[in-house]
Every structure is written in structure tokens, then in C-alpha cells.
Amino acid sequence: MDKSILFTPGKIGPLTLRNRTIRAAAFESMCPGNAPSEQLFNYHTSVAAGGIGMTNIAYAAVTQSGLSFERQLWMRPDIIPGLRKLTDAIHKEGAAASIQLGHCGNMSHKRICGCTPISASSGFNLYSPTIVRGMKQSEIASMARAYGEAVRLAREAGMDAVEIHAGHGYLISQFLSPYTNHRKDEYGGSLENRMRFMRMCMEEVMKAAGSDMAVTVKTNMRDGFKGGLEIDECLEVARTLQDQCGAHALVLSGGFVSRAPMYVMRGEMPIRTMAYYMPRGYLPIGIRMVGKYMIPSEPFKEAYFLEDALKFRKALHLPLIYVGGLVSRDKIEEVLNDGFEFVAMARALVNEPGFVNRMKEDEHARCDCGHSNYCIARMYSEDMVCHKNVKGLPECIVREIKRLEYK
């Protein structure tokens, strides 16, 4: 691997990373009170010390109405000192710091976000479950400005970059997708209209980012179900982000959390684990009864998004960040050789924060993540932790993990 670019510097807009690795913006569930915690600090500094080029804190709601979990960041002035402490520590380890900014739209509940959840259109979201209110035109403009204000707060916190979440069925994605956007005004109908809110948000984001902050955007390559966005429209969204919005790089993903969650993560959701960590009540009972029908499995393989991502690589010229199923240096090298400037990992670094450093020592390094998705199931109620780092698991969960481990 003499010609490998893995451990060479790479540029995203005005930012240069020490290597081509990024800790993907996967929700950590480590922010009780919607503020950074010591646990969040320890996790991201361990990943930075483990050799990553840039670690991405996830996900931070741009307004209180954008919160989808109780243990999620909400960008506001009083959390900036805590974030500044974290970015200083990340920089001390030689890595860059980024934060994912977004709004969950309809994927919340009044007890979490403090209001009736909002979206592109009114309806009912079974994911929460809750009634959803379509946004008024006056709210759309102010929400776009909230994205810009969140970027300004990120700058104050010492972030080198921001990642705007425009995929996975979050608010921008809800405007883009015909599945959730049924508006009859200039924000609905044609793809050009459905992209209007995204363009407004990006205008505010780029204005706030200025000339010295990198801006990446997580965008879908497919929504992952019939009636959602398919690859042709997603390519148009990507071209718009490149040619009209000024994004410095795109993170290529797919899936819709409220409709096709395992298309994002692949594998099977460990239903028993998910129910075990939930507070007692009707919800864990319902999850045990119908969870496997509500959250259908998707086959896992290494680099599961690569086939679609190669089509985007062929169509675009801006830097692309590949994410999805990377657990070995061999596959990472393959992805980089296919023309992607950066690779992003999440579960591999939950399993082993020092995986990047180990890849330096071993050309065929492979992390020990078995993709049972225990960390994901636990994340909905507790912190995101690999089962290999948890002692005293109940035997029923141990059996479920063994059944679901990817071989």
C-alpha cells in the first residue's frame, strides 16, 4: 500500500485534515439536559487521540423544536463554554472538530421538543407516535435563519467545520421527499420547489461559515423505500448543493429514519435490547410485539452504499465523503482508490476509538464490530456504547447479540 492516501492530508474547503478519516456524525446520546457532558468529552477526545482526522459531534438541534431525543444537544449560547472545552481538547490531540447541525422535523414528541412537531406538511408520524403540523411560510424563513445562527454558535465554540443534515428523513429531507412534502405552495410539488428550503438554509449557513469554516452536507442517495426520493432526484439535490449552494463536501448516505431506518444502518434491529433499555410502560411492550415489523431488516455488507456512491462520484467534482459499513483497512483503501477523498466511520469507532492508529500499524487491520446494532438499540434510551464495553449484560441480550452478529 505504498501509494495509499489514507494517511496523507486532505482538504475540505478552507480546512486541511491530517488524514482521510472522519468520525461519522452518529448520535451519541451523551448530552443529558441537551448540553455536553463529561462522557461526550471523554468519547470524542479518545477518538481524536486514536488518530482520526476529524471527529464529528452529533447531532445538535438548531432550535428546541428540532430535538428528537432527551439526551441530544440543542445549540444555544449557554452550552458554548462546554463545547469550547471539547474542541480545545480535540485540537490538542491533533484532530479537527466538527458538529452536525439539523432539525428532526416530524421525528419528535411534544414532551421532548416542547411543541407539536413540525414538518413540511401536516400528518401523523408513527415513529413517535404523534400528530405533526405543517410549517407556515413565515416559519420557514425563520428556521433557515436558525441554521445560520447555529453555525455562528459553532464558530464561537471553536468548531473547524459543520455538517448540515439534509438526509435520513430529518427536516430538510422532509421538504425534499415527496413522501413527506405534500405542499401546494412554492415549497412543494416539483423538485425545484422542494429544494427551496434547503437552498434557503444553505444560504444562511454559508454566510455564517464565512471563508474559514468548512461546510459539509449529509445527503441521501436514495430514501430507501417506494414513494421516497430515488437516485435520479438525489443526484439533482447533490448537484444543487455543489453548484448553487457552495457546499465544500458531501457525505453520501441514504435511508429515512421514520420509514426505512435500517436502510441507513443495515442489519437487524435487536428488538429485545431496544425494549430492555426503554422506561417501563406500554412502549417497550409494543416494541417487543411489533418491532420487527415496524423496523424491517436490511442485509449488511461492508461498504454497503458503495455501488450508489460511485454513481455520485462519476457525476460530481467536489470532495465526497464515503460512509456506510467500513470496518477494515482493506475496504477503506478500496473506497479511497475509487476516488473518494475521505472515509467516515461511526460504529467502528464506538467499538474501538483507536482504530485509526491501529490501521497505521497493520495494513490489514479490521475492527471487532460485529454489527449486531446493540449500540443503536441502546442509543434510543441510554448512551451509544458497544456491547463489548458493557459488563453484566442479561443473558437474553447476550443471546440476541450472538444471533445478530455479522459473520
Protein backbone atom coordinates (compact mmCIF):
# COMPACT_ATOMS: atom_id res chain seq x y z
CA MET A 1 0.00 0.00 0.00
CA ASP A 2 2.86 2.37 -0.76
CA LYS A 3 0.58 4.64 -2.79
CA SER A 4 -2.16 4.82 -0.18
CA ILE A 5 -3.57 8.29 0.50
CA LEU A 6 -5.18 7.19 3.78
CA PHE A 7 -2.61 8.89 5.97
CA THR A 8 -1.99 11.92 3.76
CA PRO A 9 -3.53 15.37 4.43
CA GLY A 10 -6.78 16.25 2.68
CA LYS A 11 -8.71 19.50 2.18
CA ILE A 12 -12.38 20.29 2.75
CA GLY A 13 -12.86 23.90 1.67
CA PRO A 14 -10.55 26.02 3.85
CA LEU A 15 -9.82 23.14 6.25
CA THR A 16 -6.95 20.66 5.99
CA LEU A 17 -7.26 17.34 7.85
CA ARG A 18 -4.19 15.36 8.89
CA ASN A 19 -5.52 12.23 7.18
CA ARG A 20 -8.55 11.00 5.24
CA THR A 21 -10.59 9.68 8.18
CA ILE A 22 -13.66 11.26 9.79
CA ARG A 23 -15.69 10.13 12.76
CA ALA A 24 -19.16 9.99 11.21
CA ALA A 25 -21.90 12.09 12.81
CA ALA A 26 -23.72 9.29 14.61
CA PHE A 27 -25.85 10.31 17.59
CA GLU A 28 -24.04 9.54 20.86
CA SER A 29 -26.94 10.12 23.32
CA MET A 30 -24.43 11.59 25.78
CA CYS A 31 -25.98 15.02 26.41
CA PRO A 32 -28.39 14.99 29.37
CA GLY A 33 -30.07 18.35 29.68
CA ASN A 34 -29.30 18.94 25.97
CA ALA A 35 -25.77 20.02 26.92
CA PRO A 36 -22.29 18.49 26.50
CA SER A 37 -21.27 16.08 29.26
CA GLU A 38 -18.05 14.62 30.61
CA GLN A 39 -18.92 11.40 28.80
CA LEU A 40 -19.21 13.22 25.46
CA PHE A 41 -15.88 14.92 26.20
CA ASN A 42 -14.15 11.64 27.03
CA TYR A 43 -15.51 9.83 23.98
CA HIS A 44 -14.56 12.42 21.36
CA THR A 45 -11.15 13.11 22.87
CA SER A 46 -10.47 9.35 22.82
CA VAL A 47 -11.36 9.23 19.12
CA ALA A 48 -9.11 12.26 18.47
CA ALA A 49 -6.26 10.62 20.39
CA GLY A 50 -6.97 7.47 18.38
CA GLY A 51 -5.77 9.15 15.20
CA ILE A 52 -8.92 10.42 13.47
CA GLY A 53 -8.58 13.31 11.03
CA MET A 54 -11.80 14.96 12.19
CA THR A 55 -14.38 13.95 14.78
CA ASN A 56 -18.00 14.96 14.27
CA ILE A 57 -20.24 15.69 17.28
CA ALA A 58 -23.82 14.63 16.59
CA TYR A 59 -26.45 15.74 16.39
CA ALA A 60 -27.17 19.29 17.52
CA ALA A 61 -30.66 20.71 17.03
CA VAL A 62 -30.72 24.24 15.63
CA THR A 63 -33.81 25.06 17.74
CA GLN A 64 -35.54 23.42 20.68
CA SER A 65 -38.30 22.23 18.34
CA GLY A 66 -35.64 20.22 16.49
CA LEU A 67 -34.88 17.89 19.40
CA SER A 68 -35.76 14.24 18.84
CA PHE A 69 -34.15 12.77 21.98
CA GLU A 70 -33.86 13.87 25.59
CA ARG A 71 -30.07 13.35 25.61
CA GLN A 72 -29.39 15.43 22.49
CA LEU A 73 -27.52 18.71 22.01
CA TRP A 74 -29.51 21.89 21.45
CA MET A 75 -27.43 24.77 20.08
CA ARG A 76 -27.81 27.77 22.39
CA PRO A 77 -25.37 30.22 23.98
CA ASP A 78 -25.16 28.60 27.40
CA ILE A 79 -23.65 25.34 26.07
CA ILE A 80 -20.83 27.08 24.18
CA PRO A 81 -18.27 27.01 27.05
CA GLY A 82 -18.74 23.23 27.35
CA LEU A 83 -18.33 22.75 23.62
CA ARG A 84 -15.27 25.04 23.63
CA LYS A 85 -13.64 22.84 26.26
CA LEU A 86 -14.27 19.84 23.99
CA THR A 87 -12.94 21.44 20.80
CA ASP A 88 -9.80 22.63 22.62
CA ALA A 89 -9.13 19.05 23.77
CA ILE A 90 -9.77 17.64 20.27
CA HIS A 91 -7.34 20.16 18.76
CA LYS A 92 -4.74 19.30 21.39
CA GLU A 93 -4.82 15.72 20.09
CA GLY A 94 -4.20 16.91 16.54
CA ALA A 95 -7.67 16.34 15.11
CA ALA A 96 -10.22 18.77 13.68
CA ALA A 97 -13.63 19.27 15.29
CA SER A 98 -16.98 19.37 13.51
CA ILE A 99 -20.58 19.41 14.66
CA GLN A 100 -23.64 18.12 12.82
CA LEU A 101 -26.49 20.63 12.76
CA GLY A 102 -30.06 19.80 11.94
CA HIS A 103 -33.71 19.71 12.87
CA CYS A 104 -35.64 16.47 13.29
CA GLY A 105 -38.92 17.86 11.96
CA ASN A 106 -41.68 15.31 12.49
CA MET A 107 -39.49 12.81 14.39
CA SER A 108 -40.17 14.12 17.87
CA HIS A 109 -42.83 14.42 20.53
CA LYS A 110 -44.19 17.38 22.45
CA ARG A 111 -42.68 16.13 25.73
CA ILE A 112 -39.20 16.31 24.12
CA CYS A 113 -39.33 19.32 21.79
CA GLY A 114 -41.83 21.42 23.74
CA CYS A 115 -44.37 21.82 20.93
CA THR A 116 -46.38 19.93 18.35
CA PRO A 117 -43.71 18.51 15.98
CA ILE A 118 -43.43 20.37 12.68
CA SER A 119 -42.66 19.21 9.15
CA ALA A 120 -43.07 20.20 5.53
CA SER A 121 -46.70 19.02 5.72
CA SER A 122 -49.21 18.06 8.38
CA GLY A 123 -49.83 14.41 9.17
CA PHE A 124 -49.16 11.67 11.67
CA ASN A 125 -45.78 10.14 12.43
CA LEU A 126 -45.94 6.56 13.67
CA TYR A 127 -42.27 6.80 14.67
CA SER A 128 -43.07 8.95 17.74
CA PRO A 129 -46.15 8.43 17.51
CA THR A 130 -47.56 11.94 17.19
CA ILE A 131 -49.65 14.40 15.19
CA VAL A 132 -47.45 16.65 13.01
CA ARG A 133 -48.13 20.24 11.93
CA GLY A 134 -47.07 21.61 8.55
CA MET A 135 -44.87 24.72 8.77
CA LYS A 136 -46.21 28.14 7.88
CA GLN A 137 -44.31 30.14 5.27
CA SER A 138 -43.23 32.68 7.89
CA GLU A 139 -41.76 29.87 9.99
CA ILE A 140 -39.75 28.54 7.06
CA ALA A 141 -37.71 31.72 6.67
CA SER A 142 -37.01 31.96 10.41
CA MET A 143 -35.98 28.30 10.53
CA ALA A 144 -33.47 28.87 7.76
CA ARG A 145 -32.01 31.73 9.80
CA ALA A 146 -31.77 29.37 12.79
CA TYR A 147 -29.38 27.19 10.79
CA GLY A 148 -27.16 30.21 10.23
CA GLU A 149 -27.26 31.16 13.91
CA ALA A 150 -26.29 27.59 14.85
CA VAL A 151 -23.24 27.88 12.59
CA ARG A 152 -22.26 31.13 14.32
CA LEU A 153 -22.51 29.39 17.67
CA ALA A 154 -20.40 26.52 16.33
CA ARG A 155 -17.73 29.03 15.32
CA GLU A 156 -17.81 30.52 18.82
CA ALA A 157 -17.37 27.01 20.22
CA GLY A 158 -14.17 26.55 18.20
CA MET A 159 -15.52 24.16 15.57
CA ASP A 160 -13.48 23.86 12.38
CA ALA A 161 -16.44 22.58 10.37
CA VAL A 162 -20.17 21.99 10.42
CA GLU A 163 -22.15 19.19 8.84
CA ILE A 164 -25.67 20.15 7.74
CA HIS A 165 -28.05 17.21 8.00
CA ALA A 166 -30.12 17.11 4.81
CA GLY A 167 -30.78 13.36 4.77
CA HIS A 168 -32.32 10.47 6.69
CA GLY A 169 -35.81 11.98 6.81
CA TYR A 170 -34.91 14.94 9.01
CA LEU A 171 -36.50 18.35 8.35
CA ILE A 172 -34.59 19.38 5.21
CA SER A 173 -35.06 15.83 3.92
CA GLN A 174 -38.78 16.03 4.75
CA PHE A 175 -39.05 19.03 2.43
CA LEU A 176 -37.07 17.22 -0.28
CA SER A 177 -39.00 13.95 -0.22
CA PRO A 178 -42.41 13.59 -1.91
CA TYR A 179 -43.27 11.11 0.87
CA THR A 180 -43.44 13.90 3.46
CA ASN A 181 -43.87 17.03 1.33
CA HIS A 182 -47.43 17.50 0.06
CA ARG A 183 -47.38 21.29 -0.01
CA LYS A 184 -49.24 23.21 -2.70
CA ASP A 185 -47.17 26.40 -2.44
CA GLU A 186 -43.70 27.27 -3.77
CA TYR A 187 -42.11 24.80 -1.30
CA GLY A 188 -43.90 21.75 -2.72
CA GLY A 189 -44.60 19.97 -5.96
CA SER A 190 -41.59 19.99 -8.30
CA LEU A 191 -38.14 19.02 -7.08
CA GLU A 192 -37.04 22.61 -7.71
CA ASN A 193 -39.70 23.78 -5.25
CA ARG A 194 -38.94 21.02 -2.74
CA MET A 195 -35.29 22.11 -2.72
CA ARG A 196 -36.20 25.73 -1.90
CA PHE A 197 -35.99 25.30 1.89
CA MET A 198 -32.63 23.52 1.57
CA ARG A 199 -31.26 26.37 -0.54
CA MET A 200 -32.50 28.93 2.00
CA CYS A 201 -30.82 27.07 4.85
CA MET A 202 -27.58 26.73 2.90
CA GLU A 203 -27.55 30.43 2.05
CA GLU A 204 -27.66 31.26 5.77
CA VAL A 205 -25.13 28.54 6.60
CA MET A 206 -22.55 29.68 4.04
CA LYS A 207 -22.97 33.31 5.09
CA ALA A 208 -22.29 32.37 8.72
CA ALA A 209 -19.43 30.00 7.86
CA GLY A 210 -17.51 32.74 6.09
CA SER A 211 -14.18 31.93 4.49
CA ASP A 212 -12.57 29.88 7.26
CA MET A 213 -15.11 27.21 8.26
CA ALA A 214 -15.66 24.04 6.27
CA VAL A 215 -19.25 23.10 5.41
CA THR A 216 -20.20 19.51 4.65
CA VAL A 217 -23.72 18.27 3.94
CA LYS A 218 -25.12 14.82 4.65
CA THR A 219 -27.44 13.98 1.78
CA ASN A 220 -29.36 10.90 0.68
CA MET A 221 -28.60 8.88 -2.42
CA ARG A 222 -31.99 7.18 -2.02
CA ASP A 223 -34.69 7.39 0.65
CA GLY A 224 -34.76 3.59 0.62
CA PHE A 225 -38.46 2.86 0.04
CA LYS A 226 -41.09 3.13 -2.67
CA GLY A 227 -42.57 6.63 -2.74
CA GLY A 228 -39.43 8.34 -1.49
CA LEU A 229 -36.60 10.02 -3.37
CA GLU A 230 -34.76 7.82 -5.85
CA ILE A 231 -31.24 8.18 -7.17
CA ASP A 232 -32.06 10.50 -10.10
CA GLU A 233 -33.63 13.20 -7.91
CA CYS A 234 -30.97 12.71 -5.22
CA LEU A 235 -28.32 13.38 -7.86
CA GLU A 236 -30.07 16.66 -8.68
CA VAL A 237 -30.07 17.57 -4.99
CA ALA A 238 -26.33 16.83 -4.83
CA ARG A 239 -25.62 18.90 -7.95
CA THR A 240 -27.56 21.80 -6.44
CA LEU A 241 -25.54 21.57 -3.21
CA GLN A 242 -22.37 21.59 -5.30
CA ASP A 243 -23.17 24.15 -7.99
CA GLN A 244 -25.60 26.57 -6.29
CA CYS A 245 -25.17 26.20 -2.53
CA GLY A 246 -21.39 26.21 -2.20
CA ALA A 247 -21.02 23.07 -0.06
CA HIS A 248 -17.37 22.10 0.41
CA ALA A 249 -18.03 18.34 0.55
CA LEU A 250 -20.93 15.89 0.65
CA VAL A 251 -21.44 12.93 2.97
CA LEU A 252 -23.26 10.33 0.86
CA SER A 253 -25.85 8.35 2.77
CA GLY A 254 -29.37 7.00 2.43
CA GLY A 255 -32.47 5.96 4.30
CA PHE A 256 -35.37 7.55 6.14
CA VAL A 257 -35.43 7.02 9.90
CA SER A 258 -39.23 7.20 10.21
CA ARG A 259 -39.82 4.87 7.25
CA ALA A 260 -36.69 2.85 6.41
CA PRO A 261 -34.34 3.11 9.43
CA MET A 262 -32.28 0.00 8.74
CA TYR A 263 -31.57 1.21 5.21
CA VAL A 264 -29.36 3.77 6.97
CA MET A 265 -27.57 1.32 9.26
CA ARG A 266 -28.15 -2.14 7.74
CA GLY A 267 -28.52 -5.41 9.56
CA GLU A 268 -31.33 -6.11 12.01
CA MET A 269 -32.52 -4.04 14.94
CA PRO A 270 -32.11 -6.01 18.20
CA ILE A 271 -35.68 -5.59 19.39
CA ARG A 272 -35.23 -7.28 22.78
CA THR A 273 -32.28 -4.99 23.54
CA MET A 274 -34.23 -1.92 22.44
CA ALA A 275 -37.17 -2.79 24.67
CA TYR A 276 -34.92 -3.69 27.61
CA TYR A 277 -33.45 -0.19 27.87
CA MET A 278 -36.74 1.68 27.44
CA PRO A 279 -38.57 3.06 30.50
CA ARG A 280 -41.31 0.76 31.72
CA GLY A 281 -44.71 1.31 30.14
CA TYR A 282 -46.66 0.48 27.01
CA LEU A 283 -43.89 1.36 24.56
CA PRO A 284 -41.44 -1.50 25.31
CA ILE A 285 -44.36 -3.93 25.28
CA GLY A 286 -45.40 -2.65 21.85
CA ILE A 287 -41.81 -2.79 20.60
CA ARG A 288 -41.48 -6.44 21.64
CA MET A 289 -44.78 -7.30 19.95
CA VAL A 290 -44.47 -5.48 16.60
CA GLY A 291 -40.93 -4.05 16.47
CA LYS A 292 -39.63 -6.48 13.87
CA TYR A 293 -42.50 -5.50 11.55
CA MET A 294 -42.07 -1.74 12.12
CA ILE A 295 -38.27 -1.90 11.70
CA PRO A 296 -37.63 -4.40 8.88
CA SER A 297 -34.06 -5.62 8.47
CA GLU A 298 -31.74 -4.79 5.58
CA PRO A 299 -28.80 -7.07 4.66
CA PHE A 300 -25.41 -5.82 5.86
CA LYS A 301 -22.22 -6.00 3.83
CA GLU A 302 -19.05 -3.98 4.02
CA ALA A 303 -19.28 -0.63 2.22
CA TYR A 304 -22.99 -1.19 1.53
CA PHE A 305 -23.50 2.26 -0.03
CA LEU A 306 -20.55 1.99 -2.41
CA GLU A 307 -22.44 0.97 -5.56
CA ASP A 308 -24.70 4.04 -5.39
CA ALA A 309 -21.89 6.30 -4.19
CA LEU A 310 -19.82 5.51 -7.29
CA LYS A 311 -22.61 6.98 -9.44
CA PHE A 312 -22.35 10.21 -7.44
CA ARG A 313 -18.58 10.17 -7.73
CA LYS A 314 -18.91 9.99 -11.51
CA ALA A 315 -21.42 12.87 -11.64
CA LEU A 316 -19.81 15.33 -9.19
CA HIS A 317 -16.47 17.10 -8.84
CA LEU A 318 -16.50 18.35 -5.23
CA PRO A 319 -14.90 16.23 -2.46
CA LEU A 320 -17.03 13.29 -1.39
CA ILE A 321 -17.02 11.57 1.99
CA TYR A 322 -17.96 7.89 1.86
CA VAL A 323 -19.83 6.49 4.87
CA GLY A 324 -21.52 3.13 5.45
CA GLY A 325 -20.20 -0.22 6.66
CA LEU A 326 -16.45 0.41 6.85
CA VAL A 327 -14.77 -1.92 9.35
CA SER A 328 -11.45 -2.82 7.69
CA ARG A 329 -8.46 -1.02 6.22
CA ASP A 330 -8.66 -3.18 3.09
CA LYS A 331 -12.14 -1.89 2.27
CA ILE A 332 -11.19 1.69 3.21
CA GLU A 333 -8.30 1.53 0.75
CA GLU A 334 -10.67 0.26 -1.93
CA VAL A 335 -13.05 3.17 -1.34
CA LEU A 336 -10.25 5.75 -1.45
CA ASN A 337 -8.88 4.17 -4.62
CA ASP A 338 -12.34 4.56 -6.16
CA GLY A 339 -11.92 8.33 -5.96
CA PHE A 340 -13.49 9.30 -2.64
CA GLU A 341 -11.46 11.92 -0.81
CA PHE A 342 -12.46 10.88 2.72
CA VAL A 343 -14.00 7.96 4.61
CA ALA A 344 -16.28 8.27 7.63
CA MET A 345 -16.91 5.65 10.31
CA ALA A 346 -19.15 5.51 13.37
CA ARG A 347 -19.76 2.01 14.76
CA ALA A 348 -16.14 1.01 14.14
CA LEU A 349 -15.07 3.86 16.45
CA VAL A 350 -17.73 3.10 19.05
CA ASN A 351 -16.21 -0.37 19.13
CA GLU A 352 -12.58 0.85 19.04
CA PRO A 353 -11.83 4.59 19.37
CA GLY A 354 -8.17 3.95 18.46
CA PHE A 355 -8.92 2.07 15.24
CA VAL A 356 -7.28 4.70 13.01
CA ASN A 357 -3.98 4.44 14.88
CA ARG A 358 -4.13 0.65 14.64
CA MET A 359 -4.57 0.90 10.87
CA LYS A 360 -1.24 2.74 10.76
CA GLU A 361 0.45 -0.31 12.25
CA ASP A 362 -1.45 -3.00 10.37
CA GLU A 363 -2.21 -2.82 6.63
CA HIS A 364 -4.99 -5.38 7.09
CA ALA A 365 -6.43 -4.07 10.34
CA ARG A 366 -10.07 -4.92 10.97
CA CYS A 367 -12.13 -3.67 13.88
CA ASP A 368 -14.10 -6.04 16.09
CA CYS A 369 -17.54 -4.55 15.37
CA GLY A 370 -19.94 -7.38 14.59
CA HIS A 371 -22.85 -5.12 13.55
CA SER A 372 -25.37 -6.61 15.94
CA ASN A 373 -26.60 -2.99 16.28
CA TYR A 374 -26.69 -3.26 20.07
CA CYS A 375 -25.23 0.27 20.24
CA ILE A 376 -28.08 1.61 18.09
CA ALA A 377 -30.83 -0.13 20.06
CA ARG A 378 -29.33 1.10 23.35
CA MET A 379 -28.93 4.64 21.98
CA TYR A 380 -32.68 5.32 21.96
CA SER A 381 -32.80 5.28 25.77
CA GLU A 382 -29.20 5.26 27.02
CA ASP A 383 -25.79 6.24 25.68
CA MET A 384 -24.34 4.76 22.49
CA VAL A 385 -21.89 2.11 23.70
CA CYS A 386 -20.56 -1.11 22.18
CA HIS A 387 -21.77 -4.24 23.99
CA LYS A 388 -18.14 -5.34 24.25
CA ASN A 389 -17.60 -2.45 26.67
CA VAL A 390 -20.61 -3.28 28.87
CA LYS A 391 -20.29 -5.71 31.78
CA GLY A 392 -23.05 -7.89 33.16
CA LEU A 393 -25.43 -7.96 30.22
CA PRO A 394 -28.57 -10.06 30.76
CA GLU A 395 -28.37 -13.49 29.14
CA CYS A 396 -31.34 -12.70 26.85
CA ILE A 397 -29.42 -9.77 25.33
CA VAL A 398 -26.22 -11.82 25.03
CA ARG A 399 -28.15 -14.43 23.05
CA GLU A 400 -29.69 -11.79 20.80
CA ILE A 401 -26.28 -10.23 20.08
CA LYS A 402 -24.80 -13.63 19.18
CA ARG A 403 -27.69 -14.30 16.81
CA LEU A 404 -27.32 -10.96 15.06
CA GLU A 405 -23.52 -10.64 14.79
CA TYR A 406 -22.40 -10.26 11.19
CA LYS A 407 -20.24 -13.20 10.15
